């Protein structure tokens, strides 16, 4: 009887090993599929014209600052400057204007003319979405 129990125990152990091997192979196959899917998604992001343009803009100095300023409805230079100074941060008017023009070109903001030489910027629906996503991103890594 002892040998029958041993045989049965050996059978169960070998069967479990085979099942674990099959499960591991299936899991590895699924993981490779996920990795390829993520890789394809990243390739798409890096090569898509619109997404690549947004990525490029976000890489520039003060781009995120300006998106957040728009989100806070501080798209006018005076308001943006006052807000940044209160935080002891610097933002030049040239950088502010350059970023806002780029942000507008990407559809995240639109300009409103005050007079022939002055304008301010307001967020678009797309700009608000991007600002919320950036805010959530920073919340999660905080």
C-alpha atoms as a PDB file:
ATOM      1  CA  UNK A   1       0.000   0.000   0.000  1.00  0.00           C
ATOM      2  CA  UNK A   2       2.859   2.302   0.755  1.00  0.00           C
ATOM      3  CA  UNK A   3       4.158   1.879  -2.766  1.00  0.00           C
ATOM      4  CA  UNK A   4       0.726   2.619  -4.246  1.00  0.00           C
ATOM      5  CA  UNK A   5       0.536   5.840  -2.199  1.00  0.00           C
ATOM      6  CA  UNK A   6       4.043   6.740  -3.321  1.00  0.00           C
ATOM      7  CA  UNK A   7       3.116   6.143  -6.958  1.00  0.00           C
ATOM      8  CA  UNK A   8      -0.010   8.196  -6.611  1.00  0.00           C
ATOM      9  CA  UNK A   9       1.888  11.008  -4.875  1.00  0.00           C
ATOM     10  CA  UNK A  10       4.514  10.926  -7.613  1.00  0.00           C
ATOM     11  CA  UNK A  11       1.785  11.046 -10.275  1.00  0.00           C
ATOM     12  CA  UNK A  12       0.158  14.092  -8.645  1.00  0.00           C
ATOM     13  CA  UNK A  13       3.513  15.870  -8.301  1.00  0.00           C
ATOM     14  CA  UNK A  14       4.447  15.186 -11.950  1.00  0.00           C
ATOM     15  CA  UNK A  15       0.987  16.213 -13.136  1.00  0.00           C
ATOM     16  CA  UNK A  16       1.239  19.491 -11.172  1.00  0.00           C
ATOM     17  CA  UNK A  17       4.662  20.166 -12.655  1.00  0.00           C
ATOM     18  CA  UNK A  18       3.258  19.630 -16.163  1.00  0.00           C
ATOM     19  CA  UNK A  19       0.296  21.918 -15.401  1.00  0.00           C
ATOM     20  CA  UNK A  20       2.626  24.575 -13.975  1.00  0.00           C
ATOM     21  CA  UNK A  21       4.849  24.358 -17.052  1.00  0.00           C
ATOM     22  CA  UNK A  22       1.815  24.688 -19.329  1.00  0.00           C
ATOM     23  CA  UNK A  23       0.509  27.638 -17.282  1.00  0.00           C
ATOM     24  CA  UNK A  24       3.944  29.302 -17.310  1.00  0.00           C
ATOM     25  CA  UNK A  25       4.233  28.910 -21.088  1.00  0.00           C
ATOM     26  CA  UNK A  26       0.739  30.332 -21.563  1.00  0.00           C
ATOM     27  CA  UNK A  27       1.518  33.217 -19.197  1.00  0.00           C
ATOM     28  CA  UNK A  28       4.799  33.961 -20.979  1.00  0.00           C
ATOM     29  CA  UNK A  29       3.009  33.899 -24.332  1.00  0.00           C
ATOM     30  CA  UNK A  30       0.393  36.331 -22.994  1.00  0.00           C
ATOM     31  CA  UNK A  31       3.128  38.600 -21.594  1.00  0.00           C
ATOM     32  CA  UNK A  32       4.953  38.658 -24.934  1.00  0.00           C
ATOM     33  CA  UNK A  33       1.677  39.671 -26.569  1.00  0.00           C
ATOM     34  CA  UNK A  34       1.225  42.466 -24.038  1.00  0.00           C
ATOM     35  CA  UNK A  35       4.816  43.658 -24.468  1.00  0.00           C
ATOM     36  CA  UNK A  36       4.416  43.712 -28.244  1.00  0.00           C
ATOM     37  CA  UNK A  37       1.150  45.593 -27.900  1.00  0.00           C
ATOM     38  CA  UNK A  38       2.759  48.193 -25.616  1.00  0.00           C
ATOM     39  CA  UNK A  39       5.747  48.450 -27.953  1.00  0.00           C
ATOM     40  CA  UNK A  40       3.440  48.985 -30.922  1.00  0.00           C
ATOM     41  CA  UNK A  41       1.507  51.611 -28.961  1.00  0.00           C
ATOM     42  CA  UNK A  42       4.719  53.458 -28.065  1.00  0.00           C
ATOM     43  CA  UNK A  43       5.879  53.311 -31.685  1.00  0.00           C
ATOM     44  CA  UNK A  44       2.536  54.774 -32.698  1.00  0.00           C
ATOM     45  CA  UNK A  45       2.853  57.607 -30.164  1.00  0.00           C
ATOM     46  CA  UNK A  46       6.388  58.417 -31.291  1.00  0.00           C
ATOM     47  CA  UNK A  47       5.488  58.454 -34.985  1.00  0.00           C
ATOM     48  CA  UNK A  48       1.937  59.875 -35.011  1.00  0.00           C
ATOM     49  CA  UNK A  49       2.099  63.499 -36.207  1.00  0.00           C
ATOM     50  CA  UNK A  50      -0.295  64.986 -33.657  1.00  0.00           C
ATOM     51  CA  UNK A  51       0.949  62.972 -30.677  1.00  0.00           C
ATOM     52  CA  UNK A  52       4.563  63.551 -31.632  1.00  0.00           C
ATOM     53  CA  UNK A  53       3.929  67.304 -31.839  1.00  0.00           C
ATOM     54  CA  UNK A  54       2.342  67.301 -28.362  1.00  0.00           C
ATOM     55  CA  UNK A  55       5.227  65.242 -26.970  1.00  0.00           C
ATOM     56  CA  UNK A  56       7.729  67.627 -28.531  1.00  0.00           C
ATOM     57  CA  UNK A  57       5.937  70.662 -27.079  1.00  0.00           C
ATOM     58  CA  UNK A  58       5.797  69.096 -23.603  1.00  0.00           C
ATOM     59  CA  UNK A  59       9.577  68.621 -23.705  1.00  0.00           C
ATOM     60  CA  UNK A  60      10.161  72.382 -23.923  1.00  0.00           C
ATOM     61  CA  UNK A  61      10.801  74.725 -21.003  1.00  0.00           C
ATOM     62  CA  UNK A  62       7.693  75.913 -19.170  1.00  0.00           C
ATOM     63  CA  UNK A  63       5.262  74.038 -21.431  1.00  0.00           C
ATOM     64  CA  UNK A  64       3.610  72.273 -18.503  1.00  0.00           C
ATOM     65  CA  UNK A  65       3.616  75.553 -16.553  1.00  0.00           C
ATOM     66  CA  UNK A  66       1.734  77.256 -19.365  1.00  0.00           C
ATOM     67  CA  UNK A  67      -0.797  74.434 -19.679  1.00  0.00           C
ATOM     68  CA  UNK A  68      -1.480  74.689 -15.952  1.00  0.00           C
ATOM     69  CA  UNK A  69      -1.740  78.493 -16.224  1.00  0.00           C
ATOM     70  CA  UNK A  70      -4.380  78.048 -18.919  1.00  0.00           C
ATOM     71  CA  UNK A  71      -6.219  75.543 -16.753  1.00  0.00           C
ATOM     72  CA  UNK A  72      -6.268  78.124 -13.936  1.00  0.00           C
ATOM     73  CA  UNK A  73      -7.555  80.736 -16.409  1.00  0.00           C
ATOM     74  CA  UNK A  74      -4.346  82.741 -16.260  1.00  0.00           C
ATOM     75  CA  UNK A  75      -3.794  82.982 -20.001  1.00  0.00           C
ATOM     76  CA  UNK A  76      -3.083  86.694 -19.891  1.00  0.00           C
ATOM     77  CA  UNK A  77       0.579  87.631 -19.387  1.00  0.00           C
ATOM     78  CA  UNK A  78      -0.076  89.942 -16.419  1.00  0.00           C
ATOM     79  CA  UNK A  79      -2.074  87.272 -14.551  1.00  0.00           C
ATOM     80  CA  UNK A  80       0.447  84.550 -15.389  1.00  0.00           C
ATOM     81  CA  UNK A  81       3.384  86.710 -14.284  1.00  0.00           C
ATOM     82  CA  UNK A  82       1.726  87.614 -10.978  1.00  0.00           C
ATOM     83  CA  UNK A  83       0.864  83.995 -10.270  1.00  0.00           C
ATOM     84  CA  UNK A  84       4.390  82.760 -10.998  1.00  0.00           C
ATOM     85  CA  UNK A  85       5.984  85.550  -8.945  1.00  0.00           C
ATOM     86  CA  UNK A  86       3.852  84.645  -5.930  1.00  0.00           C
ATOM     87  CA  UNK A  87       5.346  81.152  -6.165  1.00  0.00           C
ATOM     88  CA  UNK A  88       8.883  82.563  -6.552  1.00  0.00           C
ATOM     89  CA  UNK A  89       9.099  81.030 -10.039  1.00  0.00           C
ATOM     90  CA  UNK A  90      10.322  82.742 -13.171  1.00  0.00           C
ATOM     91  CA  UNK A  91       8.716  82.817 -16.582  1.00  0.00           C
ATOM     92  CA  UNK A  92       9.790  85.347 -19.172  1.00  0.00           C
ATOM     93  CA  UNK A  93       7.221  87.051 -21.366  1.00  0.00           C
ATOM     94  CA  UNK A  94       8.972  85.716 -24.476  1.00  0.00           C
ATOM     95  CA  UNK A  95       8.801  82.133 -23.238  1.00  0.00           C
ATOM     96  CA  UNK A  96       5.181  82.596 -22.176  1.00  0.00           C
ATOM     97  CA  UNK A  97       4.197  83.936 -25.603  1.00  0.00           C
ATOM     98  CA  UNK A  98       6.163  81.245 -27.485  1.00  0.00           C
ATOM     99  CA  UNK A  99       4.647  78.392 -25.492  1.00  0.00           C
ATOM    100  CA  UNK A 100       1.153  79.817 -25.769  1.00  0.00           C
ATOM    101  CA  UNK A 101       1.479  80.092 -29.555  1.00  0.00           C
ATOM    102  CA  UNK A 102       2.661  76.463 -29.715  1.00  0.00           C
ATOM    103  CA  UNK A 103      -0.135  75.375 -27.392  1.00  0.00           C
ATOM    104  CA  UNK A 104      -2.620  77.236 -29.583  1.00  0.00           C
ATOM    105  CA  UNK A 105      -1.213  75.619 -32.743  1.00  0.00           C
ATOM    106  CA  UNK A 106      -1.840  72.211 -31.178  1.00  0.00           C
ATOM    107  CA  UNK A 107      -5.443  73.098 -30.337  1.00  0.00           C
ATOM    108  CA  UNK A 108      -5.031  73.212 -26.561  1.00  0.00           C
ATOM    109  CA  UNK A 109      -5.824  76.937 -26.400  1.00  0.00           C
ATOM    110  CA  UNK A 110      -7.249  79.728 -28.467  1.00  0.00           C
ATOM    111  CA  UNK A 111      -6.233  83.361 -28.450  1.00  0.00           C
ATOM    112  CA  UNK A 112      -8.563  86.271 -27.870  1.00  0.00           C
ATOM    113  CA  UNK A 113      -7.463  89.646 -29.206  1.00  0.00           C
ATOM    114  CA  UNK A 114      -7.540  92.513 -26.707  1.00  0.00           C
ATOM    115  CA  UNK A 115      -6.169  95.102 -29.107  1.00  0.00           C
ATOM    116  CA  UNK A 116      -4.008  94.882 -32.239  1.00  0.00           C
ATOM    117  CA  UNK A 117      -0.861  94.194 -30.176  1.00  0.00           C
ATOM    118  CA  UNK A 118      -2.256  92.260 -27.209  1.00  0.00           C
ATOM    119  CA  UNK A 119      -4.062  88.989 -26.784  1.00  0.00           C
ATOM    120  CA  UNK A 120      -4.770  86.488 -24.079  1.00  0.00           C
ATOM    121  CA  UNK A 121      -5.295  82.756 -24.218  1.00  0.00           C
ATOM    122  CA  UNK A 122      -8.135  80.546 -23.051  1.00  0.00           C
ATOM    123  CA  UNK A 123      -8.144  76.774 -22.794  1.00  0.00           C
ATOM    124  CA  UNK A 124     -10.047  74.647 -25.241  1.00  0.00           C
ATOM    125  CA  UNK A 125     -11.845  71.453 -24.289  1.00  0.00           C
ATOM    126  CA  UNK A 126      -8.812  69.499 -25.532  1.00  0.00           C
ATOM    127  CA  UNK A 127      -6.492  71.755 -23.505  1.00  0.00           C
ATOM    128  CA  UNK A 128      -8.551  71.139 -20.391  1.00  0.00           C
ATOM    129  CA  UNK A 129      -8.347  67.381 -20.979  1.00  0.00           C
ATOM    130  CA  UNK A 130      -4.558  67.531 -21.333  1.00  0.00           C
ATOM    131  CA  UNK A 131      -4.244  69.695 -18.193  1.00  0.00           C
ATOM    132  CA  UNK A 132      -6.369  67.243 -16.200  1.00  0.00           C
ATOM    133  CA  UNK A 133      -4.266  64.313 -17.423  1.00  0.00           C
ATOM    134  CA  UNK A 134      -1.044  66.118 -16.481  1.00  0.00           C
ATOM    135  CA  UNK A 135      -2.477  66.968 -13.081  1.00  0.00           C
ATOM    136  CA  UNK A 136      -3.448  63.331 -12.526  1.00  0.00           C
ATOM    137  CA  UNK A 137       0.007  62.211 -13.678  1.00  0.00           C
ATOM    138  CA  UNK A 138       1.722  64.459 -11.108  1.00  0.00           C
ATOM    139  CA  UNK A 139      -0.699  63.399  -8.386  1.00  0.00           C
ATOM    140  CA  UNK A 140       0.163  59.762  -8.969  1.00  0.00           C
ATOM    141  CA  UNK A 141       3.929  60.275  -8.858  1.00  0.00           C
ATOM    142  CA  UNK A 142       3.781  62.599  -5.866  1.00  0.00           C
END
